N, C-alpha and C. Protein backbone atom coordinates (compact mmCIF):
# COMPACT_ATOMS: atom_id res chain seq x y z
N MET A 1 -41.30 33.28 -18.11
CA MET A 1 -42.30 34.30 -17.87
C MET A 1 -41.64 35.66 -18.00
N THR A 2 -42.27 36.54 -18.72
CA THR A 2 -41.74 37.88 -18.95
C THR A 2 -42.21 38.82 -17.85
N THR A 3 -41.30 39.65 -17.38
CA THR A 3 -41.67 40.64 -16.38
C THR A 3 -41.75 42.01 -17.02
N LEU A 4 -42.55 42.84 -16.48
CA LEU A 4 -42.66 44.21 -16.97
C LEU A 4 -41.40 44.98 -16.64
N PRO A 5 -41.00 45.95 -17.48
CA PRO A 5 -39.78 46.69 -17.23
C PRO A 5 -39.79 47.42 -15.88
N LEU A 6 -40.93 47.86 -15.45
CA LEU A 6 -40.99 48.61 -14.18
C LEU A 6 -41.41 47.73 -13.01
N SER A 7 -41.31 46.43 -13.19
CA SER A 7 -41.79 45.50 -12.18
C SER A 7 -41.10 45.70 -10.82
N ARG A 8 -39.80 45.88 -10.79
CA ARG A 8 -39.10 46.11 -9.52
C ARG A 8 -39.56 47.40 -8.86
N PHE A 9 -39.77 48.43 -9.68
CA PHE A 9 -40.28 49.71 -9.16
C PHE A 9 -41.63 49.50 -8.49
N TRP A 10 -42.53 48.80 -9.18
CA TRP A 10 -43.87 48.58 -8.62
C TRP A 10 -43.84 47.65 -7.40
N ASP A 11 -42.91 46.72 -7.37
CA ASP A 11 -42.73 45.89 -6.18
C ASP A 11 -42.35 46.77 -4.98
N ASP A 12 -41.48 47.73 -5.23
CA ASP A 12 -41.05 48.63 -4.16
C ASP A 12 -42.19 49.54 -3.70
N VAL A 13 -43.00 50.01 -4.65
CA VAL A 13 -44.16 50.85 -4.31
C VAL A 13 -45.17 50.03 -3.51
N LEU A 14 -45.39 48.79 -3.92
CA LEU A 14 -46.29 47.89 -3.19
C LEU A 14 -45.81 47.68 -1.77
N ALA A 15 -44.52 47.40 -1.61
CA ALA A 15 -43.95 47.19 -0.29
C ALA A 15 -44.08 48.46 0.56
N LEU A 16 -43.86 49.62 -0.03
CA LEU A 16 -44.01 50.88 0.70
C LEU A 16 -45.44 51.06 1.16
N GLY A 17 -46.40 50.80 0.30
CA GLY A 17 -47.80 50.89 0.70
C GLY A 17 -48.16 49.88 1.78
N ALA A 18 -47.61 48.68 1.68
CA ALA A 18 -47.87 47.65 2.69
C ALA A 18 -47.29 48.05 4.04
N ARG A 19 -46.28 48.90 4.03
CA ARG A 19 -45.70 49.38 5.29
C ARG A 19 -46.49 50.57 5.84
N ILE A 20 -46.82 51.53 4.98
CA ILE A 20 -47.38 52.80 5.44
C ILE A 20 -48.83 52.68 5.90
N PHE A 21 -49.69 52.04 5.09
CA PHE A 21 -51.12 52.11 5.37
C PHE A 21 -51.54 51.38 6.66
N PRO A 22 -51.10 50.14 6.88
CA PRO A 22 -51.49 49.56 8.18
C PRO A 22 -50.77 50.21 9.36
N ALA A 23 -49.57 50.76 9.09
CA ALA A 23 -48.84 51.45 10.16
C ALA A 23 -49.68 52.63 10.67
N GLY A 24 -50.33 53.35 9.76
CA GLY A 24 -51.18 54.48 10.17
C GLY A 24 -52.32 54.05 11.08
N VAL A 25 -52.92 52.93 10.77
CA VAL A 25 -54.04 52.43 11.60
C VAL A 25 -53.54 52.10 13.00
N PHE A 26 -52.44 51.38 13.10
CA PHE A 26 -51.92 50.98 14.40
C PHE A 26 -51.42 52.19 15.19
N PHE A 27 -50.74 53.12 14.51
CA PHE A 27 -50.23 54.31 15.21
C PHE A 27 -51.38 55.14 15.79
N GLN A 28 -52.42 55.34 14.98
CA GLN A 28 -53.59 56.09 15.49
C GLN A 28 -54.23 55.38 16.67
N SER A 29 -54.31 54.07 16.60
CA SER A 29 -54.86 53.31 17.72
C SER A 29 -54.01 53.50 18.98
N GLY A 30 -52.69 53.51 18.80
CA GLY A 30 -51.81 53.75 19.95
C GLY A 30 -52.01 55.11 20.56
N LEU A 31 -52.23 56.11 19.73
CA LEU A 31 -52.45 57.47 20.23
C LEU A 31 -53.72 57.55 21.07
N THR A 32 -54.75 56.78 20.69
CA THR A 32 -56.01 56.83 21.46
C THR A 32 -55.86 56.23 22.85
N LYS A 33 -54.81 55.48 23.08
CA LYS A 33 -54.58 54.86 24.39
C LYS A 33 -53.83 55.78 25.36
N LEU A 34 -53.42 56.96 24.88
CA LEU A 34 -52.66 57.88 25.72
C LEU A 34 -53.52 58.99 26.27
N ASP A 35 -53.16 59.47 27.47
CA ASP A 35 -53.85 60.64 28.03
C ASP A 35 -53.12 61.90 27.59
N ALA A 36 -53.55 63.03 28.09
CA ALA A 36 -52.98 64.32 27.69
C ALA A 36 -51.50 64.46 28.04
N ASN A 37 -51.03 63.68 29.03
CA ASN A 37 -49.63 63.73 29.44
C ASN A 37 -48.75 62.70 28.73
N GLY A 38 -49.36 61.95 27.81
CA GLY A 38 -48.59 60.95 27.08
C GLY A 38 -48.45 59.62 27.79
N HIS A 39 -49.22 59.42 28.84
CA HIS A 39 -49.20 58.14 29.57
C HIS A 39 -50.39 57.31 29.13
N VAL A 40 -50.30 56.00 29.33
CA VAL A 40 -51.41 55.13 29.03
C VAL A 40 -52.58 55.55 29.92
N SER A 41 -53.72 55.79 29.29
CA SER A 41 -54.87 56.33 30.01
C SER A 41 -55.59 55.26 30.82
N ASP A 42 -56.33 55.72 31.83
CA ASP A 42 -57.15 54.83 32.63
C ASP A 42 -58.22 54.17 31.77
N SER A 43 -58.72 54.90 30.78
CA SER A 43 -59.76 54.34 29.91
C SER A 43 -59.20 53.21 29.04
N ALA A 44 -57.94 53.30 28.66
CA ALA A 44 -57.30 52.22 27.90
C ALA A 44 -57.19 50.97 28.77
N ILE A 45 -56.76 51.16 30.00
CA ILE A 45 -56.65 50.03 30.92
C ILE A 45 -58.03 49.43 31.18
N TYR A 46 -59.04 50.29 31.31
CA TYR A 46 -60.42 49.82 31.49
C TYR A 46 -60.84 48.95 30.30
N LEU A 47 -60.54 49.39 29.08
CA LEU A 47 -60.89 48.60 27.89
C LEU A 47 -60.23 47.21 27.93
N PHE A 48 -58.98 47.15 28.32
CA PHE A 48 -58.31 45.87 28.39
C PHE A 48 -58.89 44.99 29.48
N ARG A 49 -59.34 45.62 30.57
CA ARG A 49 -59.93 44.86 31.68
C ARG A 49 -61.33 44.39 31.36
N GLU A 50 -62.18 45.27 30.80
CA GLU A 50 -63.61 44.96 30.68
C GLU A 50 -64.05 44.51 29.29
N GLU A 51 -63.43 45.01 28.22
CA GLU A 51 -63.87 44.67 26.88
C GLU A 51 -62.97 43.63 26.19
N TYR A 52 -61.68 43.87 26.21
CA TYR A 52 -60.76 42.99 25.49
C TYR A 52 -60.56 41.67 26.20
N ARG A 53 -60.35 41.72 27.51
CA ARG A 53 -60.23 40.53 28.35
C ARG A 53 -59.32 39.45 27.78
N LEU A 54 -58.10 39.83 27.50
CA LEU A 54 -57.14 38.88 26.96
C LEU A 54 -56.78 37.85 28.02
N PRO A 55 -56.74 36.57 27.63
CA PRO A 55 -56.40 35.54 28.61
C PRO A 55 -54.93 35.63 29.02
N LEU A 56 -54.66 35.34 30.25
CA LEU A 56 -53.30 35.23 30.81
C LEU A 56 -52.53 36.53 30.89
N LEU A 57 -53.14 37.66 30.55
CA LEU A 57 -52.42 38.93 30.60
C LEU A 57 -53.11 39.89 31.56
N ASP A 58 -52.30 40.52 32.41
CA ASP A 58 -52.80 41.56 33.28
C ASP A 58 -53.24 42.75 32.43
N PRO A 59 -54.44 43.28 32.63
CA PRO A 59 -54.94 44.36 31.78
C PRO A 59 -54.04 45.60 31.76
N THR A 60 -53.46 45.95 32.89
CA THR A 60 -52.58 47.11 32.94
C THR A 60 -51.33 46.87 32.09
N TRP A 61 -50.73 45.71 32.29
CA TRP A 61 -49.54 45.34 31.51
C TRP A 61 -49.88 45.26 30.03
N ALA A 62 -51.01 44.66 29.70
CA ALA A 62 -51.42 44.50 28.29
C ALA A 62 -51.64 45.88 27.65
N ALA A 63 -52.27 46.81 28.37
CA ALA A 63 -52.50 48.16 27.82
C ALA A 63 -51.18 48.87 27.55
N HIS A 64 -50.24 48.74 28.44
CA HIS A 64 -48.93 49.39 28.24
C HIS A 64 -48.17 48.75 27.08
N MET A 65 -48.18 47.43 27.01
CA MET A 65 -47.47 46.74 25.93
C MET A 65 -48.10 47.05 24.58
N ALA A 66 -49.44 47.02 24.52
CA ALA A 66 -50.13 47.31 23.25
C ALA A 66 -49.84 48.74 22.80
N SER A 67 -49.88 49.66 23.75
CA SER A 67 -49.59 51.06 23.41
C SER A 67 -48.20 51.23 22.86
N ALA A 68 -47.22 50.63 23.55
CA ALA A 68 -45.83 50.72 23.09
C ALA A 68 -45.67 50.10 21.69
N ALA A 69 -46.30 48.95 21.49
CA ALA A 69 -46.19 48.29 20.19
C ALA A 69 -46.88 49.11 19.10
N GLU A 70 -48.06 49.64 19.41
CA GLU A 70 -48.81 50.40 18.40
C GLU A 70 -48.16 51.73 18.06
N LEU A 71 -47.34 52.24 18.95
CA LEU A 71 -46.65 53.51 18.66
C LEU A 71 -45.24 53.30 18.09
N GLY A 72 -44.56 52.25 18.52
CA GLY A 72 -43.20 52.03 18.07
C GLY A 72 -43.06 51.24 16.78
N LEU A 73 -43.80 50.15 16.66
CA LEU A 73 -43.67 49.30 15.49
C LEU A 73 -44.07 49.99 14.19
N PRO A 74 -45.12 50.80 14.17
CA PRO A 74 -45.43 51.52 12.93
C PRO A 74 -44.34 52.48 12.48
N VAL A 75 -43.65 53.09 13.43
CA VAL A 75 -42.55 53.98 13.06
C VAL A 75 -41.46 53.18 12.34
N LEU A 76 -41.15 51.99 12.88
CA LEU A 76 -40.18 51.14 12.21
C LEU A 76 -40.64 50.73 10.81
N LEU A 77 -41.92 50.41 10.69
CA LEU A 77 -42.46 50.02 9.38
C LEU A 77 -42.34 51.15 8.36
N VAL A 78 -42.75 52.34 8.73
CA VAL A 78 -42.72 53.46 7.80
C VAL A 78 -41.28 53.75 7.37
N ALA A 79 -40.36 53.67 8.32
CA ALA A 79 -38.95 53.91 7.99
C ALA A 79 -38.35 52.73 7.22
N GLY A 80 -38.99 51.58 7.32
CA GLY A 80 -38.42 50.40 6.68
C GLY A 80 -37.19 49.93 7.44
N LEU A 81 -37.22 50.01 8.76
CA LEU A 81 -36.12 49.62 9.62
C LEU A 81 -36.58 48.45 10.48
N ALA A 82 -35.82 47.36 10.46
CA ALA A 82 -36.24 46.13 11.14
C ALA A 82 -37.65 45.74 10.69
N THR A 83 -37.87 45.84 9.42
CA THR A 83 -39.20 45.66 8.84
C THR A 83 -39.77 44.30 9.10
N ARG A 84 -39.00 43.27 8.83
CA ARG A 84 -39.54 41.91 9.00
C ARG A 84 -39.93 41.63 10.46
N PRO A 85 -39.08 41.92 11.45
CA PRO A 85 -39.52 41.68 12.84
C PRO A 85 -40.71 42.56 13.24
N ALA A 86 -40.72 43.81 12.80
CA ALA A 86 -41.84 44.69 13.13
C ALA A 86 -43.15 44.19 12.51
N ALA A 87 -43.08 43.79 11.25
CA ALA A 87 -44.27 43.26 10.57
C ALA A 87 -44.72 41.97 11.23
N PHE A 88 -43.79 41.13 11.62
CA PHE A 88 -44.16 39.87 12.29
C PHE A 88 -44.85 40.15 13.62
N ALA A 89 -44.31 41.09 14.39
CA ALA A 89 -44.93 41.45 15.68
C ALA A 89 -46.35 41.97 15.47
N LEU A 90 -46.53 42.82 14.45
CA LEU A 90 -47.87 43.34 14.18
C LEU A 90 -48.79 42.25 13.61
N LEU A 91 -48.24 41.29 12.92
CA LEU A 91 -49.04 40.15 12.45
C LEU A 91 -49.54 39.36 13.66
N VAL A 92 -48.67 39.09 14.61
CA VAL A 92 -49.08 38.37 15.83
C VAL A 92 -50.13 39.18 16.58
N MET A 93 -49.92 40.48 16.70
CA MET A 93 -50.89 41.34 17.38
C MET A 93 -52.24 41.30 16.66
N THR A 94 -52.22 41.33 15.34
CA THR A 94 -53.45 41.23 14.54
C THR A 94 -54.17 39.92 14.81
N LEU A 95 -53.42 38.82 14.85
CA LEU A 95 -54.04 37.53 15.12
C LEU A 95 -54.66 37.48 16.52
N ILE A 96 -53.99 38.07 17.50
CA ILE A 96 -54.54 38.13 18.86
C ILE A 96 -55.82 38.94 18.87
N ILE A 97 -55.82 40.07 18.20
CA ILE A 97 -57.03 40.89 18.13
C ILE A 97 -58.16 40.11 17.48
N GLU A 98 -57.85 39.45 16.38
CA GLU A 98 -58.88 38.68 15.66
C GLU A 98 -59.42 37.53 16.50
N ILE A 99 -58.56 36.78 17.14
CA ILE A 99 -58.99 35.59 17.87
C ILE A 99 -59.68 35.94 19.18
N PHE A 100 -59.12 36.87 19.95
CA PHE A 100 -59.60 37.11 21.29
C PHE A 100 -60.48 38.34 21.49
N VAL A 101 -60.37 39.32 20.60
CA VAL A 101 -61.07 40.59 20.85
C VAL A 101 -62.22 40.82 19.89
N TYR A 102 -61.95 40.86 18.62
CA TYR A 102 -62.97 41.17 17.62
C TYR A 102 -62.98 40.10 16.50
N PRO A 103 -63.51 38.91 16.80
CA PRO A 103 -63.47 37.84 15.79
C PRO A 103 -64.34 38.13 14.56
N ASP A 104 -65.30 39.03 14.67
CA ASP A 104 -66.15 39.34 13.53
C ASP A 104 -65.50 40.34 12.57
N ALA A 105 -64.36 40.86 12.91
CA ALA A 105 -63.69 41.87 12.07
C ALA A 105 -62.66 41.22 11.15
N TRP A 106 -62.89 39.96 10.79
CA TRP A 106 -61.89 39.23 9.98
C TRP A 106 -61.60 39.88 8.62
N PRO A 107 -62.54 40.57 7.96
CA PRO A 107 -62.12 41.19 6.69
C PRO A 107 -61.02 42.25 6.87
N THR A 108 -61.16 43.06 7.90
CA THR A 108 -60.15 44.07 8.17
C THR A 108 -58.85 43.42 8.62
N HIS A 109 -58.96 42.49 9.56
CA HIS A 109 -57.76 41.83 10.09
C HIS A 109 -57.08 41.00 9.02
N GLY A 110 -57.87 40.41 8.14
CA GLY A 110 -57.28 39.64 7.02
C GLY A 110 -56.48 40.53 6.09
N THR A 111 -56.95 41.74 5.87
CA THR A 111 -56.22 42.68 5.04
C THR A 111 -54.89 43.04 5.69
N TRP A 112 -54.94 43.38 6.99
CA TRP A 112 -53.71 43.70 7.69
C TRP A 112 -52.75 42.52 7.68
N ALA A 113 -53.26 41.35 7.98
CA ALA A 113 -52.41 40.15 8.07
C ALA A 113 -51.74 39.88 6.72
N THR A 114 -52.50 40.06 5.63
CA THR A 114 -51.92 39.85 4.30
C THR A 114 -50.77 40.80 4.04
N LEU A 115 -50.94 42.07 4.39
CA LEU A 115 -49.87 43.04 4.18
C LEU A 115 -48.66 42.73 5.06
N PHE A 116 -48.89 42.38 6.31
CA PHE A 116 -47.78 42.05 7.19
C PHE A 116 -47.05 40.78 6.72
N LEU A 117 -47.80 39.81 6.26
CA LEU A 117 -47.20 38.58 5.77
C LEU A 117 -46.36 38.85 4.51
N LEU A 118 -46.86 39.72 3.65
CA LEU A 118 -46.10 40.13 2.46
C LEU A 118 -44.76 40.72 2.88
N LEU A 119 -44.76 41.57 3.90
CA LEU A 119 -43.51 42.20 4.35
C LEU A 119 -42.58 41.19 5.01
N VAL A 120 -43.12 40.28 5.79
CA VAL A 120 -42.29 39.26 6.43
C VAL A 120 -41.63 38.39 5.38
N LEU A 121 -42.38 37.99 4.37
CA LEU A 121 -41.85 37.05 3.37
C LEU A 121 -40.99 37.72 2.31
N ARG A 122 -41.35 38.92 1.87
CA ARG A 122 -40.65 39.56 0.75
C ARG A 122 -39.76 40.73 1.15
N GLY A 123 -39.91 41.22 2.36
CA GLY A 123 -39.08 42.32 2.81
C GLY A 123 -39.66 43.68 2.48
N PRO A 124 -38.96 44.74 2.86
CA PRO A 124 -39.48 46.10 2.78
C PRO A 124 -39.33 46.76 1.42
N GLY A 125 -38.59 46.16 0.50
CA GLY A 125 -38.33 46.81 -0.79
C GLY A 125 -37.14 47.76 -0.70
N ARG A 126 -36.84 48.35 -1.84
CA ARG A 126 -35.67 49.23 -1.92
C ARG A 126 -35.88 50.59 -1.32
N LEU A 127 -37.13 50.98 -1.08
CA LEU A 127 -37.42 52.30 -0.51
C LEU A 127 -37.48 52.16 1.01
N SER A 128 -36.37 51.73 1.61
CA SER A 128 -36.37 51.45 3.05
C SER A 128 -34.97 51.64 3.61
N LEU A 129 -34.92 51.88 4.91
CA LEU A 129 -33.62 51.94 5.58
C LEU A 129 -32.97 50.58 5.63
N ASP A 130 -33.77 49.51 5.73
CA ASP A 130 -33.20 48.16 5.70
C ASP A 130 -32.37 47.96 4.43
N HIS A 131 -32.91 48.38 3.31
CA HIS A 131 -32.21 48.22 2.02
C HIS A 131 -30.92 49.06 2.02
N LEU A 132 -31.02 50.32 2.47
CA LEU A 132 -29.81 51.16 2.51
C LEU A 132 -28.75 50.60 3.43
N LEU A 133 -29.16 50.07 4.59
CA LEU A 133 -28.20 49.49 5.52
C LEU A 133 -27.56 48.23 4.96
N ALA A 134 -28.35 47.42 4.26
CA ALA A 134 -27.81 46.19 3.63
C ALA A 134 -26.77 46.56 2.58
N ARG A 135 -27.06 47.59 1.77
CA ARG A 135 -26.09 48.02 0.75
C ARG A 135 -24.83 48.55 1.40
N TRP A 136 -24.99 49.34 2.47
CA TRP A 136 -23.83 49.91 3.18
C TRP A 136 -22.99 48.77 3.77
N TRP A 137 -23.64 47.79 4.39
CA TRP A 137 -22.95 46.68 5.02
C TRP A 137 -22.20 45.85 3.96
N ALA A 138 -22.83 45.62 2.81
CA ALA A 138 -22.21 44.86 1.72
C ALA A 138 -20.95 45.58 1.20
N ARG A 139 -21.06 46.89 1.04
CA ARG A 139 -19.89 47.68 0.57
C ARG A 139 -18.76 47.64 1.60
N ARG A 140 -19.13 47.71 2.86
CA ARG A 140 -18.14 47.68 3.93
C ARG A 140 -17.40 46.34 3.94
N ARG A 141 -18.17 45.26 3.81
CA ARG A 141 -17.56 43.92 3.79
C ARG A 141 -16.68 43.75 2.56
N GLU A 142 -17.16 44.26 1.43
CA GLU A 142 -16.39 44.16 0.20
C GLU A 142 -15.08 44.93 0.31
N ALA A 143 -15.14 46.12 0.91
CA ALA A 143 -13.93 46.93 1.10
C ALA A 143 -12.94 46.24 2.03
N ALA A 144 -13.44 45.46 2.96
CA ALA A 144 -12.56 44.74 3.89
C ALA A 144 -12.04 43.44 3.29
N GLY A 145 -12.47 43.13 2.07
CA GLY A 145 -11.99 41.94 1.39
C GLY A 145 -12.70 40.66 1.79
N GLU A 146 -13.81 40.79 2.48
CA GLU A 146 -14.56 39.59 2.86
C GLU A 146 -15.34 39.06 1.67
N PRO A 147 -15.43 37.76 1.56
CA PRO A 147 -16.21 37.20 0.44
C PRO A 147 -17.70 37.44 0.63
N ARG A 148 -18.40 37.48 -0.50
CA ARG A 148 -19.85 37.64 -0.43
C ARG A 148 -20.48 36.38 0.10
N PRO A 149 -21.51 36.50 0.91
CA PRO A 149 -22.17 35.28 1.44
C PRO A 149 -22.95 34.56 0.38
């Protein structure tokens, strides 16, 4: 099978888009859970208690964890740092939202899940800190005379 000359470039652009666009949605959602002082708002806790009603999770704890995840994981995705674990965590979060909170929103959640799964399976691409760190680590090992894995 023949590949296009710019295929690697477009793979990297695709991976960048898969990182940036859902990250924006989650980051904005995290911001809505904060009050003016940057703390998780009472209204966010109320939503977790009365609307979301996640099984086995205390609403206050769930609101804080969701806020931290929605604000921190997208930053990692955009930077392309710890991309696979961040994408996996957001994939799990997406599945929880789909199953327990908004089961009728499967078209949106399916889109997010597809992008996160792409990142988990294929990685962040060359336009990422993960790629730069891997190259740096490989050069360091090579300079130390260690064999390539």
